[in-house]
């Protein structure tokens, strides 16, 4: 497949390109587009054949549900059974990096939901994403635009690495603002279950709803028989080709451990600028300073890809604290590391 790559900075000035991309979606094709979280791989969310193309392009397991992207929170009425909790969350966080799982209506194909009776809905805030959904006139099913299991793309160059030749069009809209996929919650009668942490944190959700629980699957491993209720829960995700190992310990212990390992093995290290200065040498990939979780989030997936390109036998990174935005960082890293955490 020949993939067209276009750049859009201002949708209002590029309305013809937006309309061409929307036409591809309406015709059953695939378009990669930027959101505020990561780049998405989009297709017609009401077309089972388009969903099948998405799964094929990503090499994605067919029981891993897709997220429907809608232009306005009120658009959920056509595709899901909404409730009071949905609209409270929508008022607080939409448009934005929050995905809400609700009981689906028949118009949503089972192929999109992985056979589940529920559907995941999100209203992105990125102007290109919003303009594309509006122009398409239908919901866009869109997982992250990477080969399944690899780090999600937060810039067009990484989406091109994985999707060139697999999709009809890639829209380059610059770097993503947040860098981690959306928070995913499932609503029930009493409250919400946090399935995938993201930029909308647990504490922020608790400011809107009285009852929010964190799913055990958001932190631990699922068994082979468990069925994922949301993307990113069951399978090895966000992973570089080289093994990733998380280290849990003090600043001093981390520096000493890495120095010892570097003397006997070829390893890459994802670390802060302060840690890089203390370590010196090569194969260091920088993220944000300690405690600067927004910068660490924006840099995480690109750091994993950069570390992988160094060709080392193993990649080390520090285990983040599992609270606030750190919980989202931990969720992504522990899955990328296949739950390999060493206490030092």
C-alpha atoms as a PDB file:
ATOM      1  CA  UNK A   1       0.000   0.000   0.000  1.00  0.00           C
ATOM      2  CA  UNK A   2       1.235   3.503  -0.851  1.00  0.00           C
ATOM      3  CA  UNK A   3       0.880   5.754   2.192  1.00  0.00           C
ATOM      4  CA  UNK A   4       0.363   9.483   1.672  1.00  0.00           C
ATOM      5  CA  UNK A   5       2.035  11.633   4.334  1.00  0.00           C
ATOM      6  CA  UNK A   6       0.747  15.168   4.851  1.00  0.00           C
ATOM      7  CA  UNK A   7       1.471  17.866   7.439  1.00  0.00           C
ATOM      8  CA  UNK A   8      -1.299  19.851   9.112  1.00  0.00           C
ATOM      9  CA  UNK A   9      -0.559  22.545  11.687  1.00  0.00           C
ATOM     10  CA  UNK A  10      -3.807  24.496  11.474  1.00  0.00           C
ATOM     11  CA  UNK A  11      -6.931  22.525  10.471  1.00  0.00           C
ATOM     12  CA  UNK A  12      -8.769  25.697   9.473  1.00  0.00           C
ATOM     13  CA  UNK A  13      -6.066  26.467   6.913  1.00  0.00           C
ATOM     14  CA  UNK A  14      -5.895  22.845   5.723  1.00  0.00           C
ATOM     15  CA  UNK A  15      -9.603  22.071   5.429  1.00  0.00           C
ATOM     16  CA  UNK A  16      -9.181  20.455   2.014  1.00  0.00           C
ATOM     17  CA  UNK A  17      -6.629  18.001   3.440  1.00  0.00           C
ATOM     18  CA  UNK A  18      -8.889  17.352   6.428  1.00  0.00           C
ATOM     19  CA  UNK A  19     -11.782  16.612   4.063  1.00  0.00           C
ATOM     20  CA  UNK A  20      -9.632  14.254   1.968  1.00  0.00           C
ATOM     21  CA  UNK A  21      -8.639  12.380   5.140  1.00  0.00           C
ATOM     22  CA  UNK A  22     -12.274  12.259   6.258  1.00  0.00           C
ATOM     23  CA  UNK A  23     -13.220  10.868   2.854  1.00  0.00           C
ATOM     24  CA  UNK A  24     -10.707   8.045   3.314  1.00  0.00           C
ATOM     25  CA  UNK A  25     -12.319   7.215   6.670  1.00  0.00           C
ATOM     26  CA  UNK A  26     -15.839   7.275   5.195  1.00  0.00           C
ATOM     27  CA  UNK A  27     -14.721   4.997   2.349  1.00  0.00           C
ATOM     28  CA  UNK A  28     -13.409   2.377   4.769  1.00  0.00           C
ATOM     29  CA  UNK A  29      -9.716   3.324   4.671  1.00  0.00           C
ATOM     30  CA  UNK A  30      -7.239   4.045   7.454  1.00  0.00           C
ATOM     31  CA  UNK A  31      -5.755   7.383   8.528  1.00  0.00           C
ATOM     32  CA  UNK A  32      -3.125   7.983  11.212  1.00  0.00           C
ATOM     33  CA  UNK A  33      -3.757  11.271  13.028  1.00  0.00           C
ATOM     34  CA  UNK A  34      -2.429  13.143  16.075  1.00  0.00           C
ATOM     35  CA  UNK A  35      -4.228  13.469  19.382  1.00  0.00           C
ATOM     36  CA  UNK A  36      -3.172  15.174  22.600  1.00  0.00           C
ATOM     37  CA  UNK A  37      -2.166  11.753  24.014  1.00  0.00           C
ATOM     38  CA  UNK A  38      -0.534   9.686  21.226  1.00  0.00           C
ATOM     39  CA  UNK A  39      -1.015   9.229  17.476  1.00  0.00           C
ATOM     40  CA  UNK A  40      -4.103   7.192  16.587  1.00  0.00           C
ATOM     41  CA  UNK A  41      -4.750   4.679  13.791  1.00  0.00           C
ATOM     42  CA  UNK A  42      -8.235   5.626  12.651  1.00  0.00           C
ATOM     43  CA  UNK A  43     -11.009   3.921  10.733  1.00  0.00           C
ATOM     44  CA  UNK A  44     -14.808   4.052  10.489  1.00  0.00           C
ATOM     45  CA  UNK A  45     -16.039   3.032  13.937  1.00  0.00           C
ATOM     46  CA  UNK A  46     -19.367   1.765  12.570  1.00  0.00           C
ATOM     47  CA  UNK A  47     -17.812  -0.490   9.903  1.00  0.00           C
ATOM     48  CA  UNK A  48     -16.680  -4.012  10.901  1.00  0.00           C
ATOM     49  CA  UNK A  49     -14.483  -4.239   7.793  1.00  0.00           C
ATOM     50  CA  UNK A  50     -12.632  -1.058   8.777  1.00  0.00           C
ATOM     51  CA  UNK A  51     -12.107  -2.462  12.263  1.00  0.00           C
ATOM     52  CA  UNK A  52     -10.649  -5.610  10.714  1.00  0.00           C
ATOM     53  CA  UNK A  53      -8.224  -3.426   8.735  1.00  0.00           C
ATOM     54  CA  UNK A  54      -7.123  -1.710  11.952  1.00  0.00           C
ATOM     55  CA  UNK A  55      -6.424  -5.035  13.654  1.00  0.00           C
ATOM     56  CA  UNK A  56      -4.484  -6.215  10.601  1.00  0.00           C
ATOM     57  CA  UNK A  57      -2.432  -3.014  10.270  1.00  0.00           C
ATOM     58  CA  UNK A  58      -1.400  -3.222  13.933  1.00  0.00           C
ATOM     59  CA  UNK A  59      -1.098  -7.026  14.087  1.00  0.00           C
ATOM     60  CA  UNK A  60      -3.400  -6.598  17.084  1.00  0.00           C
ATOM     61  CA  UNK A  61      -5.219  -9.438  18.912  1.00  0.00           C
ATOM     62  CA  UNK A  62      -8.887  -9.359  17.930  1.00  0.00           C
ATOM     63  CA  UNK A  63     -10.152  -9.546  21.530  1.00  0.00           C
ATOM     64  CA  UNK A  64      -8.438  -6.227  22.359  1.00  0.00           C
ATOM     65  CA  UNK A  65     -11.239  -3.617  22.095  1.00  0.00           C
ATOM     66  CA  UNK A  66     -10.935  -0.353  20.165  1.00  0.00           C
ATOM     67  CA  UNK A  67     -11.827   3.147  21.368  1.00  0.00           C
ATOM     68  CA  UNK A  68     -14.435   5.204  19.513  1.00  0.00           C
ATOM     69  CA  UNK A  69     -13.419   8.858  19.141  1.00  0.00           C
ATOM     70  CA  UNK A  70     -16.330  11.296  18.961  1.00  0.00           C
ATOM     71  CA  UNK A  71     -16.433  15.029  18.243  1.00  0.00           C
ATOM     72  CA  UNK A  72     -18.601  16.050  21.210  1.00  0.00           C
ATOM     73  CA  UNK A  73     -19.455  14.344  24.528  1.00  0.00           C
ATOM     74  CA  UNK A  74     -23.145  14.421  23.598  1.00  0.00           C
ATOM     75  CA  UNK A  75     -22.311  12.259  20.576  1.00  0.00           C
ATOM     76  CA  UNK A  76     -22.078   9.289  22.932  1.00  0.00           C
ATOM     77  CA  UNK A  77     -25.889   9.095  23.015  1.00  0.00           C
ATOM     78  CA  UNK A  78     -25.983   7.426  19.594  1.00  0.00           C
ATOM     79  CA  UNK A  79     -23.489   4.704  20.479  1.00  0.00           C
ATOM     80  CA  UNK A  80     -23.857   3.989  24.199  1.00  0.00           C
ATOM     81  CA  UNK A  81     -26.200   4.050  27.166  1.00  0.00           C
ATOM     82  CA  UNK A  82     -25.114   7.173  29.030  1.00  0.00           C
ATOM     83  CA  UNK A  83     -25.890   8.164  32.602  1.00  0.00           C
ATOM     84  CA  UNK A  84     -25.441  10.945  35.147  1.00  0.00           C
ATOM     85  CA  UNK A  85     -21.876   9.886  35.963  1.00  0.00           C
ATOM     86  CA  UNK A  86     -20.892  10.065  32.303  1.00  0.00           C
ATOM     87  CA  UNK A  87     -22.041  13.661  31.984  1.00  0.00           C
ATOM     88  CA  UNK A  88     -20.357  14.695  35.240  1.00  0.00           C
ATOM     89  CA  UNK A  89     -17.077  13.315  33.927  1.00  0.00           C
ATOM     90  CA  UNK A  90     -17.660  14.799  30.482  1.00  0.00           C
ATOM     91  CA  UNK A  91     -18.209  18.256  31.965  1.00  0.00           C
ATOM     92  CA  UNK A  92     -15.001  17.964  33.974  1.00  0.00           C
ATOM     93  CA  UNK A  93     -12.634  16.297  31.503  1.00  0.00           C
ATOM     94  CA  UNK A  94     -13.970  16.398  27.937  1.00  0.00           C
ATOM     95  CA  UNK A  95     -12.649  17.172  25.443  1.00  0.00           C
ATOM     96  CA  UNK A  96      -9.513  15.619  26.863  1.00  0.00           C
ATOM     97  CA  UNK A  97      -7.550  12.465  27.727  1.00  0.00           C
ATOM     98  CA  UNK A  98     -10.386  10.439  29.295  1.00  0.00           C
ATOM     99  CA  UNK A  99     -12.040   7.321  27.843  1.00  0.00           C
ATOM    100  CA  UNK A 100     -15.287   6.072  29.388  1.00  0.00           C
ATOM    101  CA  UNK A 101     -16.661   2.548  28.950  1.00  0.00           C
ATOM    102  CA  UNK A 102     -20.443   2.193  28.772  1.00  0.00           C
ATOM    103  CA  UNK A 103     -22.974  -0.393  27.593  1.00  0.00           C
ATOM    104  CA  UNK A 104     -23.042  -0.218  23.799  1.00  0.00           C
ATOM    105  CA  UNK A 105     -25.963   0.250  21.452  1.00  0.00           C
ATOM    106  CA  UNK A 106     -26.525  -2.097  18.463  1.00  0.00           C
ATOM    107  CA  UNK A 107     -25.103   0.430  15.983  1.00  0.00           C
ATOM    108  CA  UNK A 108     -21.600  -0.348  17.301  1.00  0.00           C
ATOM    109  CA  UNK A 109     -20.245  -3.533  15.676  1.00  0.00           C
ATOM    110  CA  UNK A 110     -18.977  -6.341  17.891  1.00  0.00           C
ATOM    111  CA  UNK A 111     -15.791  -6.295  15.798  1.00  0.00           C
ATOM    112  CA  UNK A 112     -14.984  -2.848  17.248  1.00  0.00           C
ATOM    113  CA  UNK A 113     -15.567  -3.880  20.860  1.00  0.00           C
ATOM    114  CA  UNK A 114     -13.767  -7.218  20.722  1.00  0.00           C
ATOM    115  CA  UNK A 115     -17.121  -8.945  21.217  1.00  0.00           C
ATOM    116  CA  UNK A 116     -17.831  -7.127  24.476  1.00  0.00           C
ATOM    117  CA  UNK A 117     -21.280  -5.660  25.254  1.00  0.00           C
ATOM    118  CA  UNK A 118     -19.590  -2.362  26.139  1.00  0.00           C
ATOM    119  CA  UNK A 119     -17.955   0.396  24.109  1.00  0.00           C
ATOM    120  CA  UNK A 120     -15.108   2.769  24.997  1.00  0.00           C
ATOM    121  CA  UNK A 121     -15.712   6.419  24.066  1.00  0.00           C
ATOM    122  CA  UNK A 122     -13.385   9.418  24.004  1.00  0.00           C
ATOM    123  CA  UNK A 123     -13.606  13.025  22.859  1.00  0.00           C
ATOM    124  CA  UNK A 124     -10.062  14.209  22.000  1.00  0.00           C
ATOM    125  CA  UNK A 125      -9.020  17.834  22.450  1.00  0.00           C
ATOM    126  CA  UNK A 126      -6.379  17.982  19.708  1.00  0.00           C
ATOM    127  CA  UNK A 127      -7.609  20.377  16.980  1.00  0.00           C
ATOM    128  CA  UNK A 128      -6.597  18.070  14.108  1.00  0.00           C
ATOM    129  CA  UNK A 129      -8.328  15.069  15.689  1.00  0.00           C
ATOM    130  CA  UNK A 130     -11.447  17.115  16.399  1.00  0.00           C
ATOM    131  CA  UNK A 131     -11.567  18.516  12.866  1.00  0.00           C
ATOM    132  CA  UNK A 132     -11.112  15.059  11.324  1.00  0.00           C
ATOM    133  CA  UNK A 133     -13.936  13.514  13.375  1.00  0.00           C
ATOM    134  CA  UNK A 134     -16.249  16.436  12.575  1.00  0.00           C
ATOM    135  CA  UNK A 135     -15.472  16.203   8.861  1.00  0.00           C
ATOM    136  CA  UNK A 136     -15.920  12.421   8.779  1.00  0.00           C
ATOM    137  CA  UNK A 137     -19.354  12.719  10.347  1.00  0.00           C
ATOM    138  CA  UNK A 138     -18.972   9.426  12.188  1.00  0.00           C
ATOM    139  CA  UNK A 139     -17.063   8.007  15.168  1.00  0.00           C
ATOM    140  CA  UNK A 140     -13.447   7.073  14.460  1.00  0.00           C
ATOM    141  CA  UNK A 141     -12.192   3.824  15.975  1.00  0.00           C
ATOM    142  CA  UNK A 142      -8.542   4.450  16.786  1.00  0.00           C
ATOM    143  CA  UNK A 143      -5.997   2.556  18.839  1.00  0.00           C
ATOM    144  CA  UNK A 144      -2.432   3.883  19.016  1.00  0.00           C
ATOM    145  CA  UNK A 145      -0.685   3.963  15.632  1.00  0.00           C
ATOM    146  CA  UNK A 146       2.057   1.424  16.341  1.00  0.00           C
ATOM    147  CA  UNK A 147       2.677  -2.237  15.691  1.00  0.00           C
ATOM    148  CA  UNK A 148       0.961  -4.061  18.549  1.00  0.00           C
ATOM    149  CA  UNK A 149       3.180  -4.325  21.603  1.00  0.00           C
ATOM    150  CA  UNK A 150       5.644  -1.589  20.592  1.00  0.00           C
ATOM    151  CA  UNK A 151       5.883   1.842  22.269  1.00  0.00           C
ATOM    152  CA  UNK A 152       3.077   4.138  21.200  1.00  0.00           C
ATOM    153  CA  UNK A 153       4.052   6.924  18.766  1.00  0.00           C
ATOM    154  CA  UNK A 154       4.109  10.459  20.161  1.00  0.00           C
ATOM    155  CA  UNK A 155       5.386  12.079  16.954  1.00  0.00           C
ATOM    156  CA  UNK A 156       4.722  11.492  13.276  1.00  0.00           C
ATOM    157  CA  UNK A 157       8.180  10.036  12.639  1.00  0.00           C
ATOM    158  CA  UNK A 158       7.472   7.113  14.966  1.00  0.00           C
ATOM    159  CA  UNK A 159       4.021   6.562  13.437  1.00  0.00           C
ATOM    160  CA  UNK A 160       5.680   6.513  10.010  1.00  0.00           C
ATOM    161  CA  UNK A 161       8.229   3.943  11.241  1.00  0.00           C
ATOM    162  CA  UNK A 162       5.432   1.523  12.099  1.00  0.00           C
ATOM    163  CA  UNK A 163       2.586   2.406   9.728  1.00  0.00           C
ATOM    164  CA  UNK A 164       4.138   3.476   6.414  1.00  0.00           C
ATOM    165  CA  UNK A 165       2.785   1.047   3.814  1.00  0.00           C
ATOM    166  CA  UNK A 166       0.037  -0.200   6.150  1.00  0.00           C
ATOM    167  CA  UNK A 167      -2.400   2.750   5.992  1.00  0.00           C
ATOM    168  CA  UNK A 168      -3.768   5.131   3.369  1.00  0.00           C
ATOM    169  CA  UNK A 169      -2.653   8.387   4.989  1.00  0.00           C
ATOM    170  CA  UNK A 170      -0.552   9.694   7.883  1.00  0.00           C
ATOM    171  CA  UNK A 171      -1.214  13.225   9.165  1.00  0.00           C
ATOM    172  CA  UNK A 172       1.829  14.865  10.738  1.00  0.00           C
ATOM    173  CA  UNK A 173       0.496  17.216  13.412  1.00  0.00           C
ATOM    174  CA  UNK A 174       3.676  17.602  15.436  1.00  0.00           C
ATOM    175  CA  UNK A 175       4.543  16.131  18.820  1.00  0.00           C
ATOM    176  CA  UNK A 176       1.792  15.015  21.191  1.00  0.00           C
ATOM    177  CA  UNK A 177       1.283  17.192  24.259  1.00  0.00           C
ATOM    178  CA  UNK A 178       0.702  14.477  26.883  1.00  0.00           C
ATOM    179  CA  UNK A 179       2.547  11.439  25.533  1.00  0.00           C
ATOM    180  CA  UNK A 180       0.581   8.709  27.351  1.00  0.00           C
ATOM    181  CA  UNK A 181      -2.667   7.127  26.203  1.00  0.00           C
ATOM    182  CA  UNK A 182      -5.916   8.278  27.778  1.00  0.00           C
ATOM    183  CA  UNK A 183      -7.184   7.298  31.196  1.00  0.00           C
ATOM    184  CA  UNK A 184      -9.823   4.561  30.844  1.00  0.00           C
ATOM    185  CA  UNK A 185     -12.638   4.033  33.322  1.00  0.00           C
ATOM    186  CA  UNK A 186     -15.692   1.784  33.289  1.00  0.00           C
ATOM    187  CA  UNK A 187     -18.920   3.101  34.812  1.00  0.00           C
ATOM    188  CA  UNK A 188     -21.353   1.055  36.839  1.00  0.00           C
ATOM    189  CA  UNK A 189     -24.380   2.027  38.900  1.00  0.00           C
ATOM    190  CA  UNK A 190     -22.432   3.236  41.926  1.00  0.00           C
ATOM    191  CA  UNK A 191     -19.195   4.660  40.571  1.00  0.00           C
ATOM    192  CA  UNK A 192     -16.234   3.950  38.346  1.00  0.00           C
ATOM    193  CA  UNK A 193     -13.482   1.387  37.916  1.00  0.00           C
ATOM    194  CA  UNK A 194     -10.110   2.731  36.770  1.00  0.00           C
ATOM    195  CA  UNK A 195      -8.800   0.300  34.153  1.00  0.00           C
ATOM    196  CA  UNK A 196      -5.903   2.282  32.670  1.00  0.00           C
ATOM    197  CA  UNK A 197      -4.366   5.293  34.441  1.00  0.00           C
ATOM    198  CA  UNK A 198      -3.440   8.361  32.441  1.00  0.00           C
ATOM    199  CA  UNK A 199      -3.255  12.145  32.601  1.00  0.00           C
ATOM    200  CA  UNK A 200      -6.686  12.290  34.252  1.00  0.00           C
ATOM    201  CA  UNK A 201      -5.487  10.900  37.569  1.00  0.00           C
ATOM    202  CA  UNK A 202      -7.249   8.824  40.200  1.00  0.00           C
ATOM    203  CA  UNK A 203      -7.320  11.846  42.527  1.00  0.00           C
ATOM    204  CA  UNK A 204      -8.895  13.995  39.809  1.00  0.00           C
ATOM    205  CA  UNK A 205     -11.587  11.368  39.184  1.00  0.00           C
ATOM    206  CA  UNK A 206     -12.334  11.235  42.913  1.00  0.00           C
ATOM    207  CA  UNK A 207     -13.040  14.968  42.829  1.00  0.00           C
ATOM    208  CA  UNK A 208     -15.961  14.271  40.482  1.00  0.00           C
ATOM    209  CA  UNK A 209     -17.287  10.871  41.564  1.00  0.00           C
ATOM    210  CA  UNK A 210     -17.738   9.655  45.126  1.00  0.00           C
ATOM    211  CA  UNK A 211     -16.662   6.090  44.350  1.00  0.00           C
ATOM    212  CA  UNK A 212     -13.646   5.257  42.185  1.00  0.00           C
ATOM    213  CA  UNK A 213     -11.775   1.971  42.479  1.00  0.00           C
ATOM    214  CA  UNK A 214      -8.508   0.984  40.827  1.00  0.00           C
ATOM    215  CA  UNK A 215      -8.707  -2.307  38.932  1.00  0.00           C
ATOM    216  CA  UNK A 216      -6.225  -4.951  40.034  1.00  0.00           C
ATOM    217  CA  UNK A 217      -5.459  -5.475  36.337  1.00  0.00           C
ATOM    218  CA  UNK A 218      -4.239  -1.864  36.101  1.00  0.00           C
ATOM    219  CA  UNK A 219      -1.316  -2.846  38.312  1.00  0.00           C
ATOM    220  CA  UNK A 220      -0.918  -6.622  37.986  1.00  0.00           C
ATOM    221  CA  UNK A 221      -0.811  -9.237  35.261  1.00  0.00           C
ATOM    222  CA  UNK A 222      -3.887 -10.799  33.661  1.00  0.00           C
ATOM    223  CA  UNK A 223      -4.099 -14.520  33.105  1.00  0.00           C
ATOM    224  CA  UNK A 224      -4.403 -16.145  29.694  1.00  0.00           C
ATOM    225  CA  UNK A 225      -8.117 -16.730  30.347  1.00  0.00           C
ATOM    226  CA  UNK A 226      -8.903 -13.140  31.368  1.00  0.00           C
ATOM    227  CA  UNK A 227     -10.649 -10.970  28.807  1.00  0.00           C
ATOM    228  CA  UNK A 228      -9.392  -7.376  28.471  1.00  0.00           C
ATOM    229  CA  UNK A 229     -12.093  -4.791  29.140  1.00  0.00           C
ATOM    230  CA  UNK A 230      -9.953  -1.996  27.725  1.00  0.00           C
ATOM    231  CA  UNK A 231      -6.841  -1.550  25.575  1.00  0.00           C
ATOM    232  CA  UNK A 232      -3.469  -2.035  27.237  1.00  0.00           C
ATOM    233  CA  UNK A 233      -4.642  -4.400  29.985  1.00  0.00           C
ATOM    234  CA  UNK A 234      -3.738  -7.937  28.999  1.00  0.00           C
ATOM    235  CA  UNK A 235      -0.930  -8.129  26.498  1.00  0.00           C
ATOM    236  CA  UNK A 236       2.702  -7.058  26.614  1.00  0.00           C
ATOM    237  CA  UNK A 237       2.517  -3.421  25.639  1.00  0.00           C
ATOM    238  CA  UNK A 238       4.691  -0.401  24.943  1.00  0.00           C
ATOM    239  CA  UNK A 239       7.766  -2.631  24.805  1.00  0.00           C
ATOM    240  CA  UNK A 240      11.114  -2.118  23.086  1.00  0.00           C
ATOM    241  CA  UNK A 241      12.737  -5.102  21.353  1.00  0.00           C
ATOM    242  CA  UNK A 242      15.499  -5.311  23.977  1.00  0.00           C
ATOM    243  CA  UNK A 243      14.416  -6.512  27.446  1.00  0.00           C
ATOM    244  CA  UNK A 244      13.426  -3.701  29.805  1.00  0.00           C
ATOM    245  CA  UNK A 245      14.120  -4.041  33.546  1.00  0.00           C
ATOM    246  CA  UNK A 246      12.757  -1.667  36.194  1.00  0.00           C
ATOM    247  CA  UNK A 247      14.854  -0.880  39.253  1.00  0.00           C
ATOM    248  CA  UNK A 248      13.367   0.010  42.635  1.00  0.00           C
ATOM    249  CA  UNK A 249      15.649   1.692  45.156  1.00  0.00           C
ATOM    250  CA  UNK A 250      17.278   4.904  46.344  1.00  0.00           C
ATOM    251  CA  UNK A 251      19.138   7.378  44.139  1.00  0.00           C
ATOM    252  CA  UNK A 252      22.470   6.108  45.422  1.00  0.00           C
ATOM    253  CA  UNK A 253      21.542   2.456  44.985  1.00  0.00           C
ATOM    254  CA  UNK A 254      20.389   3.132  41.414  1.00  0.00           C
ATOM    255  CA  UNK A 255      23.655   4.827  40.452  1.00  0.00           C
ATOM    256  CA  UNK A 256      25.781   2.112  42.059  1.00  0.00           C
ATOM    257  CA  UNK A 257      23.758  -0.708  40.489  1.00  0.00           C
ATOM    258  CA  UNK A 258      24.016   0.781  36.998  1.00  0.00           C
ATOM    259  CA  UNK A 259      27.747   1.384  37.348  1.00  0.00           C
ATOM    260  CA  UNK A 260      28.259  -2.228  38.352  1.00  0.00           C
ATOM    261  CA  UNK A 261      26.109  -3.546  35.491  1.00  0.00           C
ATOM    262  CA  UNK A 262      27.836  -1.357  32.914  1.00  0.00           C
ATOM    263  CA  UNK A 263      31.163  -2.913  33.865  1.00  0.00           C
ATOM    264  CA  UNK A 264      29.986  -6.385  32.837  1.00  0.00           C
ATOM    265  CA  UNK A 265      27.251  -5.933  30.206  1.00  0.00           C
ATOM    266  CA  UNK A 266      26.193  -3.747  27.295  1.00  0.00           C
ATOM    267  CA  UNK A 267      23.179  -1.895  28.651  1.00  0.00           C
ATOM    268  CA  UNK A 268      21.181   1.261  27.973  1.00  0.00           C
ATOM    269  CA  UNK A 269      19.772   3.423  30.755  1.00  0.00           C
ATOM    270  CA  UNK A 270      16.673   5.618  30.722  1.00  0.00           C
ATOM    271  CA  UNK A 271      17.308   8.255  33.373  1.00  0.00           C
ATOM    272  CA  UNK A 272      17.040  11.881  34.484  1.00  0.00           C
ATOM    273  CA  UNK A 273      19.635  14.524  33.531  1.00  0.00           C
ATOM    274  CA  UNK A 274      20.996  14.481  37.103  1.00  0.00           C
ATOM    275  CA  UNK A 275      21.400  10.694  37.002  1.00  0.00           C
ATOM    276  CA  UNK A 276      23.038  10.907  33.571  1.00  0.00           C
ATOM    277  CA  UNK A 277      25.582  13.390  34.925  1.00  0.00           C
ATOM    278  CA  UNK A 278      26.390  11.060  37.826  1.00  0.00           C
ATOM    279  CA  UNK A 279      26.743   8.057  35.515  1.00  0.00           C
ATOM    280  CA  UNK A 280      28.570   9.626  32.587  1.00  0.00           C
ATOM    281  CA  UNK A 281      29.474   7.624  29.498  1.00  0.00           C
ATOM    282  CA  UNK A 282      27.319   6.367  26.621  1.00  0.00           C
ATOM    283  CA  UNK A 283      23.928   4.719  26.062  1.00  0.00           C
ATOM    284  CA  UNK A 284      22.031   7.129  28.313  1.00  0.00           C
ATOM    285  CA  UNK A 285      18.546   8.264  27.240  1.00  0.00           C
ATOM    286  CA  UNK A 286      17.133  11.256  29.080  1.00  0.00           C
ATOM    287  CA  UNK A 287      13.622  11.831  30.378  1.00  0.00           C
ATOM    288  CA  UNK A 288      12.474  14.558  32.783  1.00  0.00           C
ATOM    289  CA  UNK A 289      13.948  15.465  36.122  1.00  0.00           C
ATOM    290  CA  UNK A 290      12.973  13.419  39.161  1.00  0.00           C
ATOM    291  CA  UNK A 291       9.399  14.312  40.093  1.00  0.00           C
ATOM    292  CA  UNK A 292       8.689  16.060  36.778  1.00  0.00           C
ATOM    293  CA  UNK A 293       6.095  13.509  35.721  1.00  0.00           C
ATOM    294  CA  UNK A 294       4.515  15.531  32.867  1.00  0.00           C
ATOM    295  CA  UNK A 295       7.892  15.731  31.103  1.00  0.00           C
ATOM    296  CA  UNK A 296       8.620  12.088  31.861  1.00  0.00           C
ATOM    297  CA  UNK A 297       5.232  11.176  30.374  1.00  0.00           C
ATOM    298  CA  UNK A 298       5.863  13.169  27.185  1.00  0.00           C
ATOM    299  CA  UNK A 299       9.294  11.581  26.821  1.00  0.00           C
ATOM    300  CA  UNK A 300       8.535   8.001  27.883  1.00  0.00           C
ATOM    301  CA  UNK A 301       7.649   6.300  24.598  1.00  0.00           C
ATOM    302  CA  UNK A 302      10.223   8.181  22.536  1.00  0.00           C
ATOM    303  CA  UNK A 303      12.822   7.308  25.197  1.00  0.00           C
ATOM    304  CA  UNK A 304      11.943   3.615  24.910  1.00  0.00           C
ATOM    305  CA  UNK A 305      12.315   3.774  21.126  1.00  0.00           C
ATOM    306  CA  UNK A 306      15.603   5.697  21.346  1.00  0.00           C
ATOM    307  CA  UNK A 307      17.001   3.239  23.893  1.00  0.00           C
ATOM    308  CA  UNK A 308      16.009   0.342  21.668  1.00  0.00           C
ATOM    309  CA  UNK A 309      17.892   1.795  18.701  1.00  0.00           C
ATOM    310  CA  UNK A 310      21.140   1.699  20.723  1.00  0.00           C
ATOM    311  CA  UNK A 311      21.180  -2.067  20.208  1.00  0.00           C
ATOM    312  CA  UNK A 312      22.073  -2.966  23.802  1.00  0.00           C
ATOM    313  CA  UNK A 313      21.349  -6.313  25.408  1.00  0.00           C
ATOM    314  CA  UNK A 314      19.150  -4.819  28.135  1.00  0.00           C
ATOM    315  CA  UNK A 315      17.536  -1.479  29.022  1.00  0.00           C
ATOM    316  CA  UNK A 316      17.278  -0.257  32.626  1.00  0.00           C
ATOM    317  CA  UNK A 317      14.864   2.352  33.989  1.00  0.00           C
ATOM    318  CA  UNK A 318      13.723   3.394  37.441  1.00  0.00           C
ATOM    319  CA  UNK A 319      10.347   2.266  38.755  1.00  0.00           C
ATOM    320  CA  UNK A 320       8.185   5.371  39.272  1.00  0.00           C
ATOM    321  CA  UNK A 321       5.993   5.799  42.356  1.00  0.00           C
ATOM    322  CA  UNK A 322       2.487   4.463  41.779  1.00  0.00           C
ATOM    323  CA  UNK A 323       0.518   7.609  42.610  1.00  0.00           C
ATOM    324  CA  UNK A 324      -0.716  10.656  40.725  1.00  0.00           C
ATOM    325  CA  UNK A 325       0.636  10.755  37.182  1.00  0.00           C
ATOM    326  CA  UNK A 326       3.340   8.383  38.397  1.00  0.00           C
ATOM    327  CA  UNK A 327       0.702   5.635  38.416  1.00  0.00           C
ATOM    328  CA  UNK A 328       0.256   6.041  34.664  1.00  0.00           C
ATOM    329  CA  UNK A 329       4.027   5.946  34.130  1.00  0.00           C
ATOM    330  CA  UNK A 330       4.281   2.820  36.269  1.00  0.00           C
ATOM    331  CA  UNK A 331       1.417   1.159  34.379  1.00  0.00           C
ATOM    332  CA  UNK A 332       3.151   1.670  31.026  1.00  0.00           C
ATOM    333  CA  UNK A 333       6.646   0.775  32.213  1.00  0.00           C
ATOM    334  CA  UNK A 334       5.691  -2.375  34.102  1.00  0.00           C
ATOM    335  CA  UNK A 335       3.930  -3.728  31.009  1.00  0.00           C
ATOM    336  CA  UNK A 336       6.813  -2.750  28.770  1.00  0.00           C
ATOM    337  CA  UNK A 337       9.077  -4.631  31.185  1.00  0.00           C
ATOM    338  CA  UNK A 338       6.756  -7.683  31.348  1.00  0.00           C
ATOM    339  CA  UNK A 339       6.559  -7.003  35.105  1.00  0.00           C
ATOM    340  CA  UNK A 340      10.330  -7.439  35.559  1.00  0.00           C
ATOM    341  CA  UNK A 341      11.119  -5.289  38.633  1.00  0.00           C
ATOM    342  CA  UNK A 342      14.323  -5.671  40.670  1.00  0.00           C
ATOM    343  CA  UNK A 343      14.620  -4.231  44.181  1.00  0.00           C
ATOM    344  CA  UNK A 344      18.129  -2.879  44.713  1.00  0.00           C
END
